[in-house]
């Protein structure tokens, strides 16, 4: 619109300039009387036309000026209208924002109203639950009072039972102590009796061994007498060791401690050194090794010798093997000095028989 107004303002001026450029220059008004002086009658209409043109030109200039003023007014009104339109647009945008905010507020209010209704219904349900809980609390309080009374009675009964339990515990401890004392006394008596029996048996063994030594000294006349003497020694040695002795030694080892069992075995070894040799021989036979002191044993000997390891064969009785197995853990508990006791070999006890002289 502003461009059209500017074109309208400049358009008439441009047309007038074009017309002025196309028409010849008119002489001044003072020179209008000059053709009359020359007597040219044809120039008078042209002068009239020129005067009309000048008057119309002046009118056009006036109208152009008026149009320019009106155009300026219109331009100012257009500018004010543009400013008003801009203000109206801003106001419209603010109104739209306000409308949106009001719509959002309305939606929020609706949501809050719905939540309020939900809260009201929830409050009603909570009130009902609260009433039921109050009733349950009262019932629970009554039950708690009853339970407190029952707990008090149970505590009294528990105190009585604890007192009775303490009494029973003390009585059981006293009975246990008495039982332990009786058991120890009985065990001591049994062990004392067994020890006396073992000592008597050891004395008998010593007497029989001395008797066998005497027979051995008398058997030096010849090979046949020597072999008969050794067979008698073996038979006597095998008869002097019943299986009950082995079982009693095992029972003593399990019941008594290491000190008493070691003491008893030490006394047995002092009286009968062949027990230690028998234990070593049994251990060597279990490992598949040859006993160190049996290298010089005679093949005809069947029983152990006094102070030497025996050379057992397939005819050894099971009671001898059981006796060795029972004595072996006891011998292992003895000090090493007892094992280093000097022993005589079979060659020292049994001299080599002298062959009878051949007749010449």
Foldseek 3Di string as FASTA:
>chain_A
DLVVLVCVLVVVVVVVVVVVVPDDDDDDPVCPCVVVVVPDPVCVVVVVVVVVVVVVVVVSVVVSVVSVVVSVVVVVVVVVVVVVVVVVVVVVVVVVVVVVVVVVVVVVVVVVVVVVVVVVVVVVVVVVVVVVVVVVVVVVVVVVVVVVVVVVVVVVVVVVVVVVVVVVVVVVVVVVVVVVVVVVVVVVVVVVVVLVVVVVLLVVVLVVLVVLLVQLVVQQPFPVSNLVSLVVVQVVVLVSFALVVLVVLLVCPVPDDLVVSLVSLLVVCVSAVQLLLQLQCLVCVVVVHHDPQCPPPDPSHDHDHGQHHGDHDPPRDVSSVSSSVSCNVSVVSHDPVSVPPDGDGPCVSRPDHDHDDDDD
